[in-house]
Amino acid sequence: MITAEEVWQTLEQVKDPEIPVVSVVEMGIIQGVEVGEDRVVVTMTPTFAGCPAIELMRENICEQLAALGVPNVTVSVALHPAWTSDRITESGREKLKTIGLAPPARHGGFIELDLLETVHCPFCGSANTSRENPFGPTLCRALYYCNDCQQPFEKFKAL
């Protein structure tokens, strides 16, 4: 019989479709795993309710667990409690930096105004950065520039 730990390890192989350097586990999208005799139920919470990648993530999860030998997989979507950027794991935050995406600060439910937050460059760590545009390629990102290493980068907004 497959264990919950094996399921969690397998889910680490399922990449976030928008940010494939991190897994759905590292992004905090997986809320829970239930293992039965011949089935596994995975509960996921997308980063926002209208996420266009919900079905793709569901398919990828089912494929990975089928390859593990799970005959019946159910992936349910739970919108409560809502996903927050606090759910991104430390390893996920470090991986975001490797692709030039500054991770959001942990907020514990209290989100500062973006204008007041110091954003550190994911490339050199400098706080000498400036926001170029509050909107990036997706609603959850903003565009920044590092005045020290002269690299443009994106910041994942705190949600």
N, C-alpha and C. Protein backbone atom coordinates (compact mmCIF):
# COMPACT_ATOMS: atom_id res chain seq x y z
N MET A 1 0.84 -1.19 0.00
CA MET A 1 0.00 0.00 0.00
C MET A 1 0.89 1.25 0.00
N ILE A 2 0.45 2.24 -0.71
CA ILE A 2 1.18 3.49 -0.82
C ILE A 2 0.93 4.35 0.43
N THR A 3 1.98 5.01 0.89
CA THR A 3 1.85 5.84 2.08
C THR A 3 1.63 7.31 1.69
N ALA A 4 1.14 8.07 2.65
CA ALA A 4 0.96 9.51 2.43
C ALA A 4 2.30 10.17 2.12
N GLU A 5 3.36 9.72 2.78
CA GLU A 5 4.69 10.29 2.53
C GLU A 5 5.13 10.07 1.08
N GLU A 6 4.84 8.88 0.55
CA GLU A 6 5.19 8.61 -0.86
C GLU A 6 4.38 9.50 -1.81
N VAL A 7 3.13 9.75 -1.45
CA VAL A 7 2.30 10.63 -2.28
C VAL A 7 2.87 12.05 -2.26
N TRP A 8 3.22 12.55 -1.06
CA TRP A 8 3.79 13.90 -0.96
C TRP A 8 5.08 13.99 -1.76
N GLN A 9 5.93 12.97 -1.68
CA GLN A 9 7.18 12.98 -2.44
C GLN A 9 6.91 13.00 -3.94
N THR A 10 5.91 12.26 -4.38
CA THR A 10 5.54 12.24 -5.79
C THR A 10 5.00 13.60 -6.23
N LEU A 11 4.22 14.23 -5.37
CA LEU A 11 3.66 15.54 -5.71
C LEU A 11 4.75 16.60 -5.84
N GLU A 12 5.89 16.38 -5.23
CA GLU A 12 7.04 17.30 -5.39
C GLU A 12 7.51 17.33 -6.85
N GLN A 13 7.16 16.29 -7.63
CA GLN A 13 7.56 16.22 -9.04
C GLN A 13 6.59 16.98 -9.95
N VAL A 14 5.43 17.35 -9.42
CA VAL A 14 4.44 18.09 -10.21
C VAL A 14 4.77 19.57 -10.13
N LYS A 15 5.15 20.14 -11.24
CA LYS A 15 5.59 21.53 -11.29
C LYS A 15 4.41 22.49 -11.46
N ASP A 16 4.57 23.67 -10.91
CA ASP A 16 3.59 24.73 -11.12
C ASP A 16 3.64 25.09 -12.60
N PRO A 17 2.51 25.05 -13.32
CA PRO A 17 2.54 25.32 -14.76
C PRO A 17 3.05 26.71 -15.14
N GLU A 18 2.84 27.68 -14.26
CA GLU A 18 3.28 29.04 -14.57
C GLU A 18 4.73 29.29 -14.16
N ILE A 19 5.17 28.62 -13.10
CA ILE A 19 6.53 28.80 -12.59
C ILE A 19 7.14 27.41 -12.41
N PRO A 20 7.57 26.78 -13.51
CA PRO A 20 7.98 25.37 -13.45
C PRO A 20 9.25 25.07 -12.65
N VAL A 21 9.87 26.07 -12.08
CA VAL A 21 11.03 25.80 -11.22
C VAL A 21 10.58 25.33 -9.84
N VAL A 22 9.31 25.54 -9.49
CA VAL A 22 8.78 25.12 -8.19
C VAL A 22 7.66 24.10 -8.37
N SER A 23 7.50 23.25 -7.38
CA SER A 23 6.43 22.25 -7.42
C SER A 23 5.15 22.82 -6.82
N VAL A 24 4.06 22.10 -7.04
CA VAL A 24 2.79 22.52 -6.45
C VAL A 24 2.85 22.42 -4.93
N VAL A 25 3.71 21.55 -4.41
CA VAL A 25 3.89 21.45 -2.97
C VAL A 25 4.65 22.67 -2.46
N GLU A 26 5.73 23.05 -3.15
CA GLU A 26 6.51 24.22 -2.72
C GLU A 26 5.71 25.51 -2.82
N MET A 27 4.78 25.58 -3.77
CA MET A 27 3.93 26.77 -3.89
C MET A 27 2.82 26.78 -2.85
N GLY A 28 2.65 25.67 -2.11
CA GLY A 28 1.61 25.61 -1.09
C GLY A 28 0.23 25.38 -1.66
N ILE A 29 0.18 24.86 -2.87
CA ILE A 29 -1.10 24.62 -3.54
C ILE A 29 -1.78 23.35 -3.00
N ILE A 30 -0.99 22.39 -2.55
CA ILE A 30 -1.56 21.15 -2.02
C ILE A 30 -1.92 21.34 -0.55
N GLN A 31 -3.20 21.21 -0.24
CA GLN A 31 -3.67 21.38 1.15
C GLN A 31 -3.62 20.08 1.92
N GLY A 32 -3.87 18.97 1.25
CA GLY A 32 -3.89 17.72 1.98
C GLY A 32 -3.91 16.51 1.08
N VAL A 33 -3.59 15.37 1.69
CA VAL A 33 -3.54 14.09 0.99
C VAL A 33 -4.21 13.06 1.90
N GLU A 34 -5.13 12.30 1.33
CA GLU A 34 -5.75 11.19 2.05
C GLU A 34 -5.49 9.92 1.27
N VAL A 35 -4.95 8.91 1.95
CA VAL A 35 -4.62 7.65 1.30
C VAL A 35 -5.53 6.55 1.82
N GLY A 36 -6.21 5.87 0.88
CA GLY A 36 -7.04 4.72 1.22
C GLY A 36 -6.42 3.47 0.64
N GLU A 37 -7.13 2.36 0.73
CA GLU A 37 -6.58 1.09 0.24
C GLU A 37 -6.26 1.13 -1.24
N ASP A 38 -7.19 1.63 -2.04
CA ASP A 38 -6.97 1.63 -3.49
C ASP A 38 -7.17 3.01 -4.11
N ARG A 39 -7.11 4.05 -3.27
CA ARG A 39 -7.32 5.39 -3.82
C ARG A 39 -6.59 6.44 -3.03
N VAL A 40 -6.37 7.56 -3.70
CA VAL A 40 -5.75 8.72 -3.07
C VAL A 40 -6.60 9.93 -3.41
N VAL A 41 -6.86 10.75 -2.40
CA VAL A 41 -7.56 12.02 -2.61
C VAL A 41 -6.58 13.14 -2.29
N VAL A 42 -6.37 14.00 -3.26
CA VAL A 42 -5.50 15.15 -3.09
C VAL A 42 -6.38 16.40 -3.10
N THR A 43 -6.21 17.25 -2.12
CA THR A 43 -6.95 18.50 -2.07
C THR A 43 -5.99 19.63 -2.39
N MET A 44 -6.35 20.41 -3.38
CA MET A 44 -5.49 21.54 -3.77
C MET A 44 -6.27 22.83 -3.72
N THR A 45 -5.53 23.90 -3.44
CA THR A 45 -6.09 25.25 -3.45
C THR A 45 -5.26 26.07 -4.42
N PRO A 46 -5.85 26.46 -5.54
CA PRO A 46 -5.09 27.26 -6.51
C PRO A 46 -4.75 28.64 -5.94
N THR A 47 -3.80 29.29 -6.58
CA THR A 47 -3.37 30.60 -6.09
C THR A 47 -4.48 31.63 -6.21
N PHE A 48 -5.42 31.43 -7.12
CA PHE A 48 -6.64 32.23 -7.13
C PHE A 48 -7.75 31.41 -7.78
N ALA A 49 -8.99 31.72 -7.42
CA ALA A 49 -10.14 30.89 -7.80
C ALA A 49 -10.28 30.71 -9.31
N GLY A 50 -9.93 31.70 -10.08
CA GLY A 50 -10.07 31.62 -11.53
C GLY A 50 -8.83 31.14 -12.24
N CYS A 51 -7.94 30.48 -11.54
CA CYS A 51 -6.67 30.03 -12.12
C CYS A 51 -6.92 29.17 -13.36
N PRO A 52 -6.36 29.57 -14.51
CA PRO A 52 -6.59 28.79 -15.74
C PRO A 52 -5.84 27.45 -15.77
N ALA A 53 -4.96 27.23 -14.81
CA ALA A 53 -4.16 26.00 -14.81
C ALA A 53 -4.72 24.91 -13.89
N ILE A 54 -5.89 25.11 -13.33
CA ILE A 54 -6.45 24.12 -12.40
C ILE A 54 -6.54 22.75 -13.06
N GLU A 55 -7.11 22.68 -14.24
CA GLU A 55 -7.28 21.38 -14.91
C GLU A 55 -5.94 20.77 -15.28
N LEU A 56 -4.99 21.59 -15.71
CA LEU A 56 -3.66 21.08 -16.04
C LEU A 56 -2.97 20.51 -14.80
N MET A 57 -3.08 21.22 -13.67
CA MET A 57 -2.49 20.70 -12.43
C MET A 57 -3.17 19.39 -12.02
N ARG A 58 -4.48 19.35 -12.15
CA ARG A 58 -5.23 18.13 -11.82
C ARG A 58 -4.74 16.95 -12.68
N GLU A 59 -4.60 17.17 -13.98
CA GLU A 59 -4.12 16.13 -14.88
C GLU A 59 -2.71 15.68 -14.52
N ASN A 60 -1.82 16.65 -14.25
CA ASN A 60 -0.43 16.32 -13.91
C ASN A 60 -0.35 15.53 -12.61
N ILE A 61 -1.16 15.88 -11.64
CA ILE A 61 -1.19 15.15 -10.37
C ILE A 61 -1.66 13.72 -10.61
N CYS A 62 -2.73 13.56 -11.36
CA CYS A 62 -3.26 12.22 -11.64
C CYS A 62 -2.23 11.38 -12.40
N GLU A 63 -1.55 11.96 -13.38
CA GLU A 63 -0.52 11.23 -14.14
C GLU A 63 0.62 10.76 -13.24
N GLN A 64 1.11 11.65 -12.38
CA GLN A 64 2.23 11.29 -11.51
C GLN A 64 1.82 10.19 -10.53
N LEU A 65 0.62 10.27 -9.97
CA LEU A 65 0.19 9.26 -9.01
C LEU A 65 -0.15 7.94 -9.71
N ALA A 66 -0.64 8.01 -10.94
CA ALA A 66 -0.88 6.77 -11.71
C ALA A 66 0.45 6.07 -11.97
N ALA A 67 1.49 6.84 -12.28
CA ALA A 67 2.82 6.27 -12.50
C ALA A 67 3.36 5.63 -11.22
N LEU A 68 2.91 6.11 -10.08
CA LEU A 68 3.31 5.54 -8.79
C LEU A 68 2.55 4.23 -8.51
N GLY A 69 1.47 4.01 -9.27
CA GLY A 69 0.69 2.79 -9.09
C GLY A 69 -0.62 2.99 -8.36
N VAL A 70 -1.05 4.22 -8.23
CA VAL A 70 -2.33 4.49 -7.56
C VAL A 70 -3.44 4.29 -8.60
N PRO A 71 -4.36 3.33 -8.36
CA PRO A 71 -5.40 3.06 -9.36
C PRO A 71 -6.49 4.12 -9.44
N ASN A 72 -6.84 4.74 -8.32
CA ASN A 72 -7.91 5.74 -8.29
C ASN A 72 -7.41 7.01 -7.62
N VAL A 73 -7.43 8.09 -8.39
CA VAL A 73 -6.98 9.37 -7.85
C VAL A 73 -8.10 10.39 -8.02
N THR A 74 -8.39 11.09 -6.95
CA THR A 74 -9.34 12.20 -7.00
C THR A 74 -8.59 13.45 -6.57
N VAL A 75 -8.70 14.49 -7.39
CA VAL A 75 -8.10 15.78 -7.04
C VAL A 75 -9.24 16.76 -6.86
N SER A 76 -9.46 17.16 -5.63
CA SER A 76 -10.53 18.11 -5.35
C SER A 76 -9.93 19.51 -5.16
N VAL A 77 -10.72 20.49 -5.52
CA VAL A 77 -10.31 21.88 -5.38
C VAL A 77 -11.06 22.49 -4.21
N ALA A 78 -10.30 23.05 -3.27
CA ALA A 78 -10.88 23.72 -2.11
C ALA A 78 -10.49 25.19 -2.16
N LEU A 79 -11.45 26.06 -2.07
CA LEU A 79 -11.17 27.49 -2.11
C LEU A 79 -11.16 28.11 -0.71
N HIS A 80 -11.40 27.27 0.29
CA HIS A 80 -11.37 27.75 1.68
C HIS A 80 -10.59 26.76 2.51
N PRO A 81 -9.60 27.17 3.26
CA PRO A 81 -9.13 28.55 3.31
C PRO A 81 -8.42 28.93 2.02
N ALA A 82 -8.51 30.19 1.69
CA ALA A 82 -7.90 30.70 0.46
C ALA A 82 -6.38 30.57 0.52
N TRP A 83 -5.78 30.40 -0.64
CA TRP A 83 -4.33 30.34 -0.75
C TRP A 83 -3.76 31.72 -0.42
N THR A 84 -2.61 31.74 0.25
CA THR A 84 -1.88 32.99 0.45
C THR A 84 -0.42 32.73 0.09
N SER A 85 0.29 33.79 -0.21
CA SER A 85 1.71 33.65 -0.54
C SER A 85 2.53 33.19 0.66
N ASP A 86 1.98 33.26 1.85
CA ASP A 86 2.67 32.72 3.03
C ASP A 86 2.85 31.21 2.93
N ARG A 87 2.07 30.56 2.09
CA ARG A 87 2.15 29.10 1.95
C ARG A 87 3.34 28.65 1.11
N ILE A 88 4.00 29.55 0.43
CA ILE A 88 5.18 29.17 -0.36
C ILE A 88 6.27 28.73 0.62
N THR A 89 6.83 27.55 0.39
CA THR A 89 7.85 27.02 1.30
C THR A 89 9.17 27.78 1.15
N GLU A 90 10.06 27.58 2.10
CA GLU A 90 11.38 28.22 2.01
C GLU A 90 12.13 27.76 0.77
N SER A 91 12.07 26.47 0.46
CA SER A 91 12.76 25.99 -0.75
C SER A 91 12.13 26.61 -1.99
N GLY A 92 10.81 26.77 -1.98
CA GLY A 92 10.14 27.43 -3.10
C GLY A 92 10.58 28.87 -3.26
N ARG A 93 10.72 29.57 -2.14
CA ARG A 93 11.17 30.98 -2.18
C ARG A 93 12.59 31.08 -2.75
N GLU A 94 13.44 30.16 -2.36
CA GLU A 94 14.81 30.17 -2.89
C GLU A 94 14.82 29.87 -4.38
N LYS A 95 13.99 28.95 -4.81
CA LYS A 95 13.93 28.62 -6.24
C LYS A 95 13.37 29.77 -7.06
N LEU A 96 12.42 30.54 -6.50
CA LEU A 96 11.91 31.71 -7.22
C LEU A 96 13.04 32.68 -7.50
N LYS A 97 13.93 32.85 -6.54
CA LYS A 97 15.06 33.77 -6.71
C LYS A 97 15.97 33.33 -7.85
N THR A 98 16.12 32.02 -8.05
CA THR A 98 17.03 31.53 -9.10
C THR A 98 16.57 31.91 -10.50
N ILE A 99 15.30 32.23 -10.65
CA ILE A 99 14.81 32.65 -11.97
C ILE A 99 14.53 34.15 -12.01
N GLY A 100 15.05 34.87 -11.01
CA GLY A 100 14.89 36.32 -11.01
C GLY A 100 13.53 36.80 -10.55
N LEU A 101 12.87 36.01 -9.72
CA LEU A 101 11.56 36.39 -9.21
C LEU A 101 11.67 36.54 -7.70
N ALA A 102 11.61 37.78 -7.23
CA ALA A 102 11.73 38.05 -5.80
C ALA A 102 10.50 37.51 -5.08
N PRO A 103 10.68 36.67 -4.07
CA PRO A 103 9.53 36.13 -3.35
C PRO A 103 8.89 37.19 -2.48
N PRO A 104 7.61 37.03 -2.20
CA PRO A 104 6.94 37.99 -1.32
C PRO A 104 7.37 37.79 0.13
N ALA A 105 7.31 38.86 0.88
CA ALA A 105 7.60 38.76 2.31
C ALA A 105 6.46 37.99 2.98
N ARG A 106 6.78 37.29 4.03
CA ARG A 106 5.73 36.63 4.82
C ARG A 106 4.96 37.73 5.55
N HIS A 107 3.65 37.63 5.57
CA HIS A 107 2.84 38.71 6.14
C HIS A 107 1.90 38.27 7.25
N GLY A 108 1.65 36.98 7.39
CA GLY A 108 0.78 36.51 8.46
C GLY A 108 -0.61 37.09 8.41
N GLY A 109 -1.07 37.50 7.24
CA GLY A 109 -2.41 38.05 7.10
C GLY A 109 -2.46 39.57 7.07
N PHE A 110 -1.34 40.23 7.38
CA PHE A 110 -1.28 41.68 7.34
C PHE A 110 -0.38 42.08 6.17
N ILE A 111 -0.99 42.59 5.12
CA ILE A 111 -0.24 42.93 3.91
C ILE A 111 -0.01 44.43 3.87
N GLU A 112 1.27 44.81 3.81
CA GLU A 112 1.64 46.22 3.71
C GLU A 112 1.29 46.76 2.33
N LEU A 113 1.21 48.06 2.26
CA LEU A 113 1.10 48.66 0.94
C LEU A 113 2.38 48.37 0.17
N ASP A 114 2.24 47.97 -1.07
CA ASP A 114 3.40 47.64 -1.90
C ASP A 114 4.39 48.79 -1.97
N LEU A 115 3.90 50.02 -1.89
CA LEU A 115 4.77 51.17 -2.02
C LEU A 115 5.76 51.30 -0.87
N LEU A 116 5.42 50.75 0.29
CA LEU A 116 6.25 50.91 1.47
C LEU A 116 7.27 49.78 1.65
N GLU A 117 7.08 48.70 0.97
CA GLU A 117 7.91 47.52 1.16
C GLU A 117 9.27 47.64 0.47
N THR A 118 10.32 47.25 1.19
CA THR A 118 11.65 47.17 0.59
C THR A 118 11.75 45.84 -0.15
N VAL A 119 12.13 45.90 -1.39
CA VAL A 119 12.25 44.68 -2.20
C VAL A 119 13.72 44.44 -2.49
N HIS A 120 14.18 43.25 -2.12
CA HIS A 120 15.58 42.89 -2.34
C HIS A 120 15.73 42.21 -3.69
N CYS A 121 16.79 42.55 -4.37
CA CYS A 121 17.09 41.97 -5.68
C CYS A 121 17.35 40.47 -5.52
N PRO A 122 16.69 39.63 -6.33
CA PRO A 122 16.93 38.19 -6.24
C PRO A 122 18.30 37.78 -6.78
N PHE A 123 18.95 38.66 -7.52
CA PHE A 123 20.26 38.34 -8.10
C PHE A 123 21.41 38.67 -7.16
N CYS A 124 21.40 39.89 -6.59
CA CYS A 124 22.54 40.31 -5.76
C CYS A 124 22.16 40.58 -4.30
N GLY A 125 20.87 40.60 -3.98
CA GLY A 125 20.43 40.80 -2.61
C GLY A 125 20.32 42.26 -2.19
N SER A 126 20.64 43.17 -3.06
CA SER A 126 20.60 44.60 -2.74
C SER A 126 19.18 45.09 -2.48
N ALA A 127 19.06 46.04 -1.57
CA ALA A 127 17.77 46.71 -1.32
C ALA A 127 17.66 47.98 -2.14
N ASN A 128 18.68 48.29 -2.92
CA ASN A 128 18.70 49.49 -3.76
C ASN A 128 17.96 49.19 -5.06
N THR A 129 16.64 49.02 -4.91
CA THR A 129 15.81 48.65 -6.05
C THR A 129 14.69 49.67 -6.23
N SER A 130 14.12 49.68 -7.40
CA SER A 130 13.00 50.58 -7.66
C SER A 130 11.93 49.84 -8.45
N ARG A 131 10.69 50.18 -8.13
CA ARG A 131 9.58 49.55 -8.86
C ARG A 131 9.40 50.29 -10.17
N GLU A 132 9.41 49.54 -11.24
CA GLU A 132 9.23 50.11 -12.57
C GLU A 132 7.76 50.13 -12.98
N ASN A 133 7.03 49.09 -12.56
CA ASN A 133 5.62 48.99 -12.92
C ASN A 133 4.93 48.09 -11.90
N PRO A 134 3.79 48.50 -11.36
CA PRO A 134 3.10 47.66 -10.38
C PRO A 134 2.50 46.40 -10.99
N PHE A 135 2.50 46.31 -12.32
CA PHE A 135 1.93 45.15 -13.00
C PHE A 135 2.98 44.48 -13.86
N GLY A 136 3.07 43.17 -13.72
CA GLY A 136 3.99 42.38 -14.52
C GLY A 136 3.23 41.54 -15.53
N PRO A 137 3.81 40.42 -15.94
CA PRO A 137 3.16 39.58 -16.95
C PRO A 137 1.89 38.90 -16.43
N THR A 138 1.75 38.81 -15.11
CA THR A 138 0.52 38.30 -14.52
C THR A 138 0.12 39.25 -13.39
N LEU A 139 -1.11 39.13 -12.92
CA LEU A 139 -1.61 40.03 -11.88
C LEU A 139 -0.85 39.90 -10.57
N CYS A 140 -0.21 38.75 -10.35
CA CYS A 140 0.47 38.53 -9.06
C CYS A 140 1.94 38.97 -9.09
N ARG A 141 2.37 39.67 -10.12
CA ARG A 141 3.77 40.10 -10.20
C ARG A 141 3.88 41.59 -10.51
N ALA A 142 4.99 42.17 -10.08
CA ALA A 142 5.30 43.57 -10.37
C ALA A 142 6.72 43.60 -10.95
N LEU A 143 7.03 44.65 -11.70
CA LEU A 143 8.35 44.78 -12.33
C LEU A 143 9.23 45.72 -11.52
N TYR A 144 10.47 45.29 -11.27
CA TYR A 144 11.45 46.06 -10.49
C TYR A 144 12.77 46.13 -11.24
N TYR A 145 13.64 47.02 -10.75
CA TYR A 145 14.97 47.18 -11.31
C TYR A 145 15.96 47.32 -10.15
N CYS A 146 17.09 46.63 -10.25
CA CYS A 146 18.13 46.75 -9.22
C CYS A 146 19.13 47.81 -9.69
N ASN A 147 19.29 48.84 -8.88
CA ASN A 147 20.21 49.92 -9.22
C ASN A 147 21.68 49.54 -9.00
N ASP A 148 21.94 48.45 -8.26
CA ASP A 148 23.31 48.03 -8.02
C ASP A 148 23.83 47.09 -9.11
N CYS A 149 23.12 46.00 -9.35
CA CYS A 149 23.60 45.06 -10.37
C CYS A 149 22.98 45.32 -11.74
N GLN A 150 22.08 46.29 -11.80
CA GLN A 150 21.45 46.76 -13.03
C GLN A 150 20.66 45.67 -13.76
N GLN A 151 20.02 44.82 -12.97
CA GLN A 151 19.20 43.76 -13.53
C GLN A 151 17.72 44.07 -13.32
N PRO A 152 16.91 43.92 -14.35
CA PRO A 152 15.47 43.99 -14.13
C PRO A 152 15.02 42.66 -13.52
N PHE A 153 13.96 42.71 -12.72
CA PHE A 153 13.43 41.47 -12.15
C PHE A 153 11.96 41.66 -11.82
N GLU A 154 11.31 40.55 -11.54
CA GLU A 154 9.92 40.56 -11.14
C GLU A 154 9.82 40.24 -9.65
N LYS A 155 8.78 40.76 -9.02
CA LYS A 155 8.51 40.45 -7.63
C LYS A 155 7.13 39.81 -7.56
N PHE A 156 7.08 38.69 -6.87
CA PHE A 156 5.80 38.02 -6.62
C PHE A 156 5.09 38.82 -5.53
N LYS A 157 3.90 39.30 -5.81
CA LYS A 157 3.18 40.13 -4.84
C LYS A 157 2.68 39.27 -3.67
N ALA A 158 2.65 39.88 -2.51
CA ALA A 158 2.08 39.22 -1.34
C ALA A 158 0.57 39.13 -1.52
N LEU A 159 0.04 37.97 -1.33
CA LEU A 159 -1.41 37.74 -1.48
C LEU A 159 -1.94 37.09 -0.23
